[in-house]
């Protein structure tokens, strides 16, 4: 699936809910469904700067694609990072760098996050793009 096809799928899932409490519950469920991050990746180096809660992001480069894994100590943030992983993981560095992450605005995520969580979301996306840039430079 392309990045945009995955984003459209997420928009469709969230459009089934009118109430933001239900959307938050969906985020929490998505975060809980995510496999826990291996303890060896919970390092200072993998912590994302700019997040109020602790978020660890690991990126592995295999067969020309980046595979992301992550974990957070906050339920909603864990769901947000799960969405980002679903959209960006297992794509080429160039696809990630070229991606327009329109699903964030389409599902109303940014406007329903506190300013600190919103900054954290931006920091997560930025870190994923930094990994993509680094892996594309290596390739």
N, C-alpha and C. Protein backbone atom coordinates (compact mmCIF):
# COMPACT_ATOMS: atom_id res chain seq x y z
N UNK A 1 0.84 -1.20 0.00
CA UNK A 1 0.00 0.00 0.00
C UNK A 1 0.87 1.25 0.00
N UNK A 2 0.41 2.27 -0.67
CA UNK A 2 1.14 3.53 -0.66
C UNK A 2 0.86 4.28 0.64
N UNK A 3 1.68 5.27 0.92
CA UNK A 3 1.47 6.11 2.11
C UNK A 3 0.09 6.77 2.05
N UNK A 4 -0.29 7.27 0.89
CA UNK A 4 -1.60 7.93 0.78
C UNK A 4 -2.76 6.96 0.94
N UNK A 5 -2.61 5.73 0.46
CA UNK A 5 -3.68 4.74 0.64
C UNK A 5 -3.86 4.42 2.12
N UNK A 6 -2.75 4.32 2.84
CA UNK A 6 -2.83 4.06 4.29
C UNK A 6 -3.49 5.24 5.00
N UNK A 7 -3.10 6.46 4.61
CA UNK A 7 -3.70 7.66 5.23
C UNK A 7 -5.22 7.68 4.99
N UNK A 8 -5.63 7.36 3.76
CA UNK A 8 -7.06 7.34 3.42
C UNK A 8 -7.81 6.30 4.26
N UNK A 9 -7.16 5.17 4.52
CA UNK A 9 -7.74 4.12 5.35
C UNK A 9 -7.95 4.63 6.78
N UNK A 10 -6.96 5.34 7.31
CA UNK A 10 -7.05 5.89 8.67
C UNK A 10 -8.16 6.94 8.75
N UNK A 11 -8.24 7.81 7.74
CA UNK A 11 -9.29 8.84 7.70
C UNK A 11 -10.66 8.17 7.71
N UNK A 12 -10.79 7.09 6.96
CA UNK A 12 -12.04 6.32 6.91
C UNK A 12 -12.39 5.75 8.27
N UNK A 13 -11.40 5.17 8.96
CA UNK A 13 -11.63 4.59 10.29
C UNK A 13 -12.11 5.65 11.28
N UNK A 14 -11.46 6.82 11.26
CA UNK A 14 -11.81 7.88 12.21
C UNK A 14 -13.13 8.56 11.85
N UNK A 15 -13.51 8.53 10.58
CA UNK A 15 -14.75 9.20 10.17
C UNK A 15 -15.98 8.49 10.72
N UNK A 16 -15.81 7.26 11.19
CA UNK A 16 -16.91 6.52 11.78
C UNK A 16 -17.31 7.03 13.15
N UNK A 17 -16.51 7.94 13.71
CA UNK A 17 -16.78 8.47 15.05
C UNK A 17 -17.03 9.97 14.98
N UNK A 18 -18.10 10.42 15.63
CA UNK A 18 -18.38 11.86 15.69
C UNK A 18 -17.80 12.47 16.96
N UNK A 19 -17.77 11.68 18.01
CA UNK A 19 -17.36 12.16 19.32
C UNK A 19 -15.85 11.98 19.50
N UNK A 20 -15.19 13.03 19.99
CA UNK A 20 -13.74 12.91 20.17
C UNK A 20 -13.34 11.96 21.28
N UNK A 21 -14.22 11.69 22.21
CA UNK A 21 -13.90 10.69 23.26
C UNK A 21 -13.75 9.31 22.60
N UNK A 22 -14.59 9.04 21.59
CA UNK A 22 -14.49 7.77 20.86
C UNK A 22 -13.20 7.71 20.04
N UNK A 23 -12.82 8.85 19.48
CA UNK A 23 -11.58 8.90 18.69
C UNK A 23 -10.36 8.71 19.60
N UNK A 24 -10.41 9.31 20.79
CA UNK A 24 -9.32 9.10 21.75
C UNK A 24 -9.24 7.62 22.13
N UNK A 25 -10.41 6.99 22.31
CA UNK A 25 -10.43 5.56 22.66
C UNK A 25 -9.81 4.73 21.54
N UNK A 26 -10.10 5.10 20.28
CA UNK A 26 -9.51 4.41 19.14
C UNK A 26 -7.98 4.56 19.16
N UNK A 27 -7.52 5.78 19.45
CA UNK A 27 -6.07 6.01 19.56
C UNK A 27 -5.44 5.14 20.65
N UNK A 28 -6.11 5.09 21.81
CA UNK A 28 -5.61 4.29 22.93
C UNK A 28 -5.56 2.81 22.53
N UNK A 29 -6.62 2.34 21.86
CA UNK A 29 -6.67 0.94 21.41
C UNK A 29 -5.54 0.65 20.43
N UNK A 30 -5.30 1.57 19.49
CA UNK A 30 -4.22 1.39 18.51
C UNK A 30 -2.87 1.31 19.21
N UNK A 31 -2.68 2.16 20.20
CA UNK A 31 -1.44 2.14 20.97
C UNK A 31 -1.26 0.85 21.74
N UNK A 32 -2.36 0.35 22.30
CA UNK A 32 -2.30 -0.89 23.08
C UNK A 32 -2.06 -2.12 22.20
N UNK A 33 -2.48 -2.04 20.93
CA UNK A 33 -2.29 -3.17 20.01
C UNK A 33 -0.84 -3.27 19.52
N UNK A 34 -0.12 -2.19 19.67
CA UNK A 34 1.26 -2.15 19.20
C UNK A 34 2.16 -3.04 20.06
N UNK A 35 3.05 -3.77 19.40
CA UNK A 35 3.99 -4.62 20.15
C UNK A 35 4.92 -3.73 20.97
N UNK A 36 5.23 -4.14 22.19
CA UNK A 36 6.14 -3.31 23.01
C UNK A 36 7.53 -3.23 22.38
N UNK A 37 8.18 -2.11 22.59
CA UNK A 37 9.52 -1.90 22.07
C UNK A 37 10.51 -2.72 22.89
N UNK A 38 11.43 -3.36 22.21
CA UNK A 38 12.47 -4.14 22.88
C UNK A 38 13.22 -3.20 23.84
N UNK A 39 13.45 -3.67 25.05
CA UNK A 39 14.11 -2.86 26.09
C UNK A 39 15.45 -2.29 25.62
N UNK A 40 16.16 -3.01 24.75
CA UNK A 40 17.49 -2.54 24.32
C UNK A 40 17.40 -1.25 23.49
N UNK A 41 16.19 -0.94 22.99
CA UNK A 41 16.02 0.30 22.21
C UNK A 41 15.54 1.48 23.06
N UNK A 42 15.24 1.22 24.32
CA UNK A 42 14.80 2.30 25.20
C UNK A 42 16.02 3.02 25.76
N UNK A 43 16.68 3.76 24.87
CA UNK A 43 17.91 4.47 25.22
C UNK A 43 17.69 5.97 25.08
N UNK A 44 18.59 6.74 25.69
CA UNK A 44 18.54 8.20 25.56
C UNK A 44 18.59 8.61 24.09
N UNK A 45 19.41 7.90 23.32
CA UNK A 45 19.58 8.22 21.90
C UNK A 45 18.27 8.08 21.12
N UNK A 46 17.40 7.16 21.53
CA UNK A 46 16.13 6.94 20.83
C UNK A 46 14.97 7.77 21.39
N UNK A 47 15.21 8.50 22.46
CA UNK A 47 14.16 9.37 23.01
C UNK A 47 13.95 10.56 22.08
N UNK A 48 12.71 10.91 21.86
CA UNK A 48 12.41 12.05 20.98
C UNK A 48 12.38 13.33 21.79
N UNK A 49 13.19 14.30 21.38
CA UNK A 49 13.18 15.62 22.01
C UNK A 49 11.92 16.36 21.61
N UNK A 50 11.35 17.10 22.53
CA UNK A 50 10.18 17.90 22.20
C UNK A 50 8.87 17.26 22.60
N UNK A 51 8.93 16.05 23.12
CA UNK A 51 7.72 15.38 23.59
C UNK A 51 7.63 15.53 25.10
N UNK A 52 6.43 15.85 25.56
CA UNK A 52 6.20 15.98 27.00
C UNK A 52 6.32 14.61 27.66
N UNK A 53 5.76 13.59 27.02
CA UNK A 53 5.90 12.23 27.55
C UNK A 53 7.15 11.61 26.92
N UNK A 54 7.49 10.46 27.43
CA UNK A 54 8.69 9.79 26.89
C UNK A 54 8.28 8.95 25.69
N UNK A 55 8.97 9.19 24.57
CA UNK A 55 8.71 8.44 23.34
C UNK A 55 10.06 7.96 22.80
N UNK A 56 10.15 6.65 22.62
CA UNK A 56 11.36 6.07 22.04
C UNK A 56 11.02 5.65 20.62
N UNK A 57 11.90 5.98 19.67
CA UNK A 57 11.68 5.62 18.27
C UNK A 57 12.93 4.92 17.74
N UNK A 58 12.73 3.74 17.21
CA UNK A 58 13.82 2.95 16.64
C UNK A 58 13.56 2.82 15.14
N UNK A 59 14.58 3.04 14.33
CA UNK A 59 14.45 2.89 12.89
C UNK A 59 15.49 1.89 12.39
N UNK A 60 15.04 0.93 11.61
CA UNK A 60 15.94 -0.06 11.01
C UNK A 60 15.77 -0.01 9.50
N UNK A 61 16.88 -0.11 8.81
CA UNK A 61 16.89 -0.01 7.35
C UNK A 61 17.19 -1.38 6.75
N UNK A 62 16.21 -1.93 6.05
CA UNK A 62 16.38 -3.25 5.44
C UNK A 62 15.77 -3.25 4.04
N UNK A 63 16.51 -3.79 3.09
CA UNK A 63 16.03 -3.94 1.71
C UNK A 63 15.49 -2.63 1.14
N UNK A 64 16.16 -1.52 1.46
CA UNK A 64 15.77 -0.23 0.90
C UNK A 64 14.58 0.43 1.56
N UNK A 65 14.08 -0.18 2.64
CA UNK A 65 12.92 0.39 3.33
C UNK A 65 13.23 0.57 4.81
N UNK A 66 12.56 1.57 5.41
CA UNK A 66 12.77 1.83 6.84
C UNK A 66 11.62 1.20 7.63
N UNK A 67 12.00 0.47 8.66
CA UNK A 67 11.00 -0.11 9.55
C UNK A 67 11.11 0.60 10.90
N UNK A 68 10.01 1.22 11.32
CA UNK A 68 9.99 1.93 12.60
C UNK A 68 9.32 1.09 13.67
N UNK A 69 9.85 1.19 14.88
CA UNK A 69 9.19 0.67 16.07
C UNK A 69 9.29 1.76 17.13
N UNK A 70 8.32 1.81 18.02
CA UNK A 70 8.32 2.88 19.02
C UNK A 70 7.49 2.48 20.22
N UNK A 71 7.65 3.27 21.25
CA UNK A 71 6.83 3.10 22.45
C UNK A 71 6.78 4.43 23.19
N UNK A 72 5.69 4.62 23.92
CA UNK A 72 5.55 5.81 24.74
C UNK A 72 4.99 5.41 26.09
N UNK A 73 5.24 6.24 27.10
CA UNK A 73 4.68 5.97 28.41
C UNK A 73 3.31 6.63 28.59
N UNK A 74 2.80 7.28 27.55
CA UNK A 74 1.48 7.92 27.60
C UNK A 74 0.54 7.24 26.60
N UNK A 75 -0.66 6.90 27.03
CA UNK A 75 -1.58 6.11 26.21
C UNK A 75 -1.93 6.76 24.86
N UNK A 76 -2.33 8.02 24.89
CA UNK A 76 -2.73 8.69 23.64
C UNK A 76 -1.53 8.88 22.72
N UNK A 77 -0.40 9.22 23.30
CA UNK A 77 0.82 9.41 22.50
C UNK A 77 1.24 8.09 21.86
N UNK A 78 1.06 7.01 22.59
CA UNK A 78 1.36 5.68 22.06
C UNK A 78 0.49 5.40 20.83
N UNK A 79 -0.76 5.85 20.88
CA UNK A 79 -1.67 5.69 19.74
C UNK A 79 -1.26 6.56 18.56
N UNK A 80 -0.82 7.77 18.85
CA UNK A 80 -0.38 8.69 17.79
C UNK A 80 0.85 8.12 17.09
N UNK A 81 1.80 7.63 17.87
CA UNK A 81 3.02 7.08 17.27
C UNK A 81 2.68 5.79 16.51
N UNK A 82 1.69 5.04 16.98
CA UNK A 82 1.25 3.83 16.26
C UNK A 82 0.69 4.21 14.88
N UNK A 83 -0.07 5.31 14.81
CA UNK A 83 -0.58 5.80 13.52
C UNK A 83 0.57 6.21 12.59
N UNK A 84 1.53 6.96 13.13
CA UNK A 84 2.66 7.40 12.31
C UNK A 84 3.45 6.20 11.78
N UNK A 85 3.64 5.20 12.62
CA UNK A 85 4.35 4.00 12.19
C UNK A 85 3.56 3.30 11.09
N UNK A 86 2.26 3.19 11.29
CA UNK A 86 1.41 2.54 10.28
C UNK A 86 1.53 3.23 8.92
N UNK A 87 1.60 4.56 8.95
CA UNK A 87 1.67 5.33 7.70
C UNK A 87 3.07 5.27 7.08
N UNK A 88 4.11 5.45 7.88
CA UNK A 88 5.45 5.65 7.33
C UNK A 88 6.36 4.42 7.32
N UNK A 89 6.09 3.45 8.19
CA UNK A 89 6.98 2.30 8.27
C UNK A 89 6.91 1.45 7.02
N UNK A 90 8.05 0.83 6.70
CA UNK A 90 8.16 -0.07 5.55
C UNK A 90 8.00 0.62 4.20
N UNK A 91 8.46 1.86 4.15
CA UNK A 91 8.53 2.62 2.90
C UNK A 91 9.98 3.06 2.69
N UNK A 92 10.28 3.50 1.48
CA UNK A 92 11.64 3.94 1.19
C UNK A 92 11.88 5.30 1.83
N UNK A 93 13.15 5.65 2.07
CA UNK A 93 13.44 6.97 2.63
C UNK A 93 12.83 8.10 1.77
N UNK A 94 12.91 7.97 0.45
CA UNK A 94 12.38 9.03 -0.42
C UNK A 94 10.86 9.16 -0.30
N UNK A 95 10.16 8.03 -0.20
CA UNK A 95 8.71 8.06 -0.03
C UNK A 95 8.34 8.79 1.27
N UNK A 96 9.12 8.53 2.32
CA UNK A 96 8.86 9.17 3.62
C UNK A 96 9.14 10.68 3.53
N UNK A 97 10.24 11.03 2.88
CA UNK A 97 10.59 12.46 2.74
C UNK A 97 9.57 13.21 1.88
N UNK A 98 9.01 12.54 0.88
CA UNK A 98 8.05 13.17 -0.03
C UNK A 98 6.62 13.18 0.51
N UNK A 99 6.36 12.42 1.57
CA UNK A 99 4.99 12.24 2.06
C UNK A 99 4.39 13.53 2.60
N UNK A 100 3.15 13.78 2.20
CA UNK A 100 2.35 14.86 2.77
C UNK A 100 1.41 14.19 3.77
N UNK A 101 1.66 14.39 5.04
CA UNK A 101 0.87 13.71 6.07
C UNK A 101 -0.45 14.43 6.33
N UNK A 102 -1.33 14.37 5.35
CA UNK A 102 -2.61 15.09 5.43
C UNK A 102 -3.60 14.44 6.38
N UNK A 103 -3.39 13.18 6.74
CA UNK A 103 -4.35 12.50 7.62
C UNK A 103 -4.44 13.17 8.99
N UNK A 104 -3.35 13.79 9.44
CA UNK A 104 -3.32 14.43 10.76
C UNK A 104 -4.38 15.53 10.83
N UNK A 105 -4.44 16.37 9.79
CA UNK A 105 -5.46 17.43 9.76
C UNK A 105 -6.84 16.88 9.43
N UNK A 106 -6.89 15.90 8.53
CA UNK A 106 -8.18 15.33 8.09
C UNK A 106 -8.96 14.71 9.24
N UNK A 107 -8.27 14.02 10.15
CA UNK A 107 -9.00 13.39 11.27
C UNK A 107 -9.17 14.37 12.44
N UNK A 108 -8.60 15.58 12.30
CA UNK A 108 -8.76 16.60 13.34
C UNK A 108 -7.84 16.40 14.53
N UNK A 109 -6.79 15.63 14.32
CA UNK A 109 -5.91 15.28 15.44
C UNK A 109 -5.24 16.50 16.05
N UNK A 110 -4.63 17.33 15.20
CA UNK A 110 -3.86 18.46 15.71
C UNK A 110 -4.71 19.42 16.54
N UNK A 111 -5.92 19.68 16.08
CA UNK A 111 -6.78 20.64 16.81
C UNK A 111 -7.34 20.07 18.12
N UNK A 112 -7.24 18.74 18.30
CA UNK A 112 -7.75 18.14 19.53
C UNK A 112 -6.62 17.70 20.47
N UNK A 113 -5.42 18.17 20.20
CA UNK A 113 -4.30 17.88 21.09
C UNK A 113 -3.91 19.13 21.85
N UNK A 114 -3.40 18.94 23.05
CA UNK A 114 -2.87 20.08 23.80
C UNK A 114 -1.66 20.60 23.03
N UNK A 115 -1.28 21.87 23.25
CA UNK A 115 -0.11 22.41 22.55
C UNK A 115 1.16 21.56 22.75
N UNK A 116 1.34 21.02 23.95
CA UNK A 116 2.55 20.21 24.18
C UNK A 116 2.48 18.90 23.41
N UNK A 117 1.30 18.28 23.34
CA UNK A 117 1.15 17.04 22.56
C UNK A 117 1.30 17.33 21.08
N UNK A 118 0.79 18.47 20.65
CA UNK A 118 0.91 18.88 19.25
C UNK A 118 2.38 19.06 18.88
N UNK A 119 3.14 19.68 19.77
CA UNK A 119 4.59 19.83 19.56
C UNK A 119 5.26 18.46 19.50
N UNK A 120 4.80 17.56 20.34
CA UNK A 120 5.34 16.20 20.35
C UNK A 120 5.08 15.48 19.04
N UNK A 121 3.88 15.67 18.50
CA UNK A 121 3.53 15.07 17.21
C UNK A 121 4.47 15.58 16.11
N UNK A 122 4.69 16.88 16.09
CA UNK A 122 5.61 17.48 15.12
C UNK A 122 7.02 16.91 15.31
N UNK A 123 7.44 16.75 16.57
CA UNK A 123 8.77 16.21 16.86
C UNK A 123 8.91 14.76 16.39
N UNK A 124 7.84 13.97 16.53
CA UNK A 124 7.88 12.57 16.08
C UNK A 124 8.02 12.50 14.56
N UNK A 125 7.21 13.30 13.86
CA UNK A 125 7.27 13.32 12.39
C UNK A 125 8.66 13.78 11.95
N UNK A 126 9.16 14.82 12.60
CA UNK A 126 10.48 15.35 12.25
C UNK A 126 11.56 14.28 12.43
N UNK A 127 11.52 13.55 13.55
CA UNK A 127 12.51 12.52 13.81
C UNK A 127 12.44 11.40 12.77
N UNK A 128 11.23 11.03 12.35
CA UNK A 128 11.08 9.99 11.33
C UNK A 128 11.67 10.46 10.00
N UNK A 129 11.49 11.74 9.69
CA UNK A 129 12.07 12.30 8.46
C UNK A 129 13.60 12.40 8.56
N UNK A 130 14.11 12.69 9.76
CA UNK A 130 15.56 12.75 9.97
C UNK A 130 16.17 11.36 9.70
N UNK A 131 15.52 10.32 10.21
CA UNK A 131 15.99 8.95 9.92
C UNK A 131 15.97 8.70 8.41
N UNK A 132 14.87 9.08 7.76
CA UNK A 132 14.75 8.87 6.31
C UNK A 132 15.87 9.58 5.56
N UNK A 133 16.15 10.81 5.98
CA UNK A 133 17.23 11.60 5.35
C UNK A 133 18.58 10.91 5.56
N UNK A 134 18.83 10.45 6.77
CA UNK A 134 20.09 9.77 7.08
C UNK A 134 20.24 8.49 6.26
N UNK A 135 19.18 7.69 6.17
CA UNK A 135 19.26 6.44 5.41
C UNK A 135 19.36 6.70 3.91
N UNK A 136 18.74 7.77 3.42
CA UNK A 136 18.86 8.07 1.98
C UNK A 136 20.25 8.54 1.64
N UNK A 137 20.91 9.23 2.58
CA UNK A 137 22.27 9.69 2.36
C UNK A 137 23.24 8.50 2.32
N UNK A 138 22.94 7.48 3.14
CA UNK A 138 23.79 6.29 3.20
C UNK A 138 23.64 5.43 1.93
N UNK A 139 22.43 5.42 1.39
CA UNK A 139 22.13 4.53 0.25
C UNK A 139 22.89 4.92 -1.01
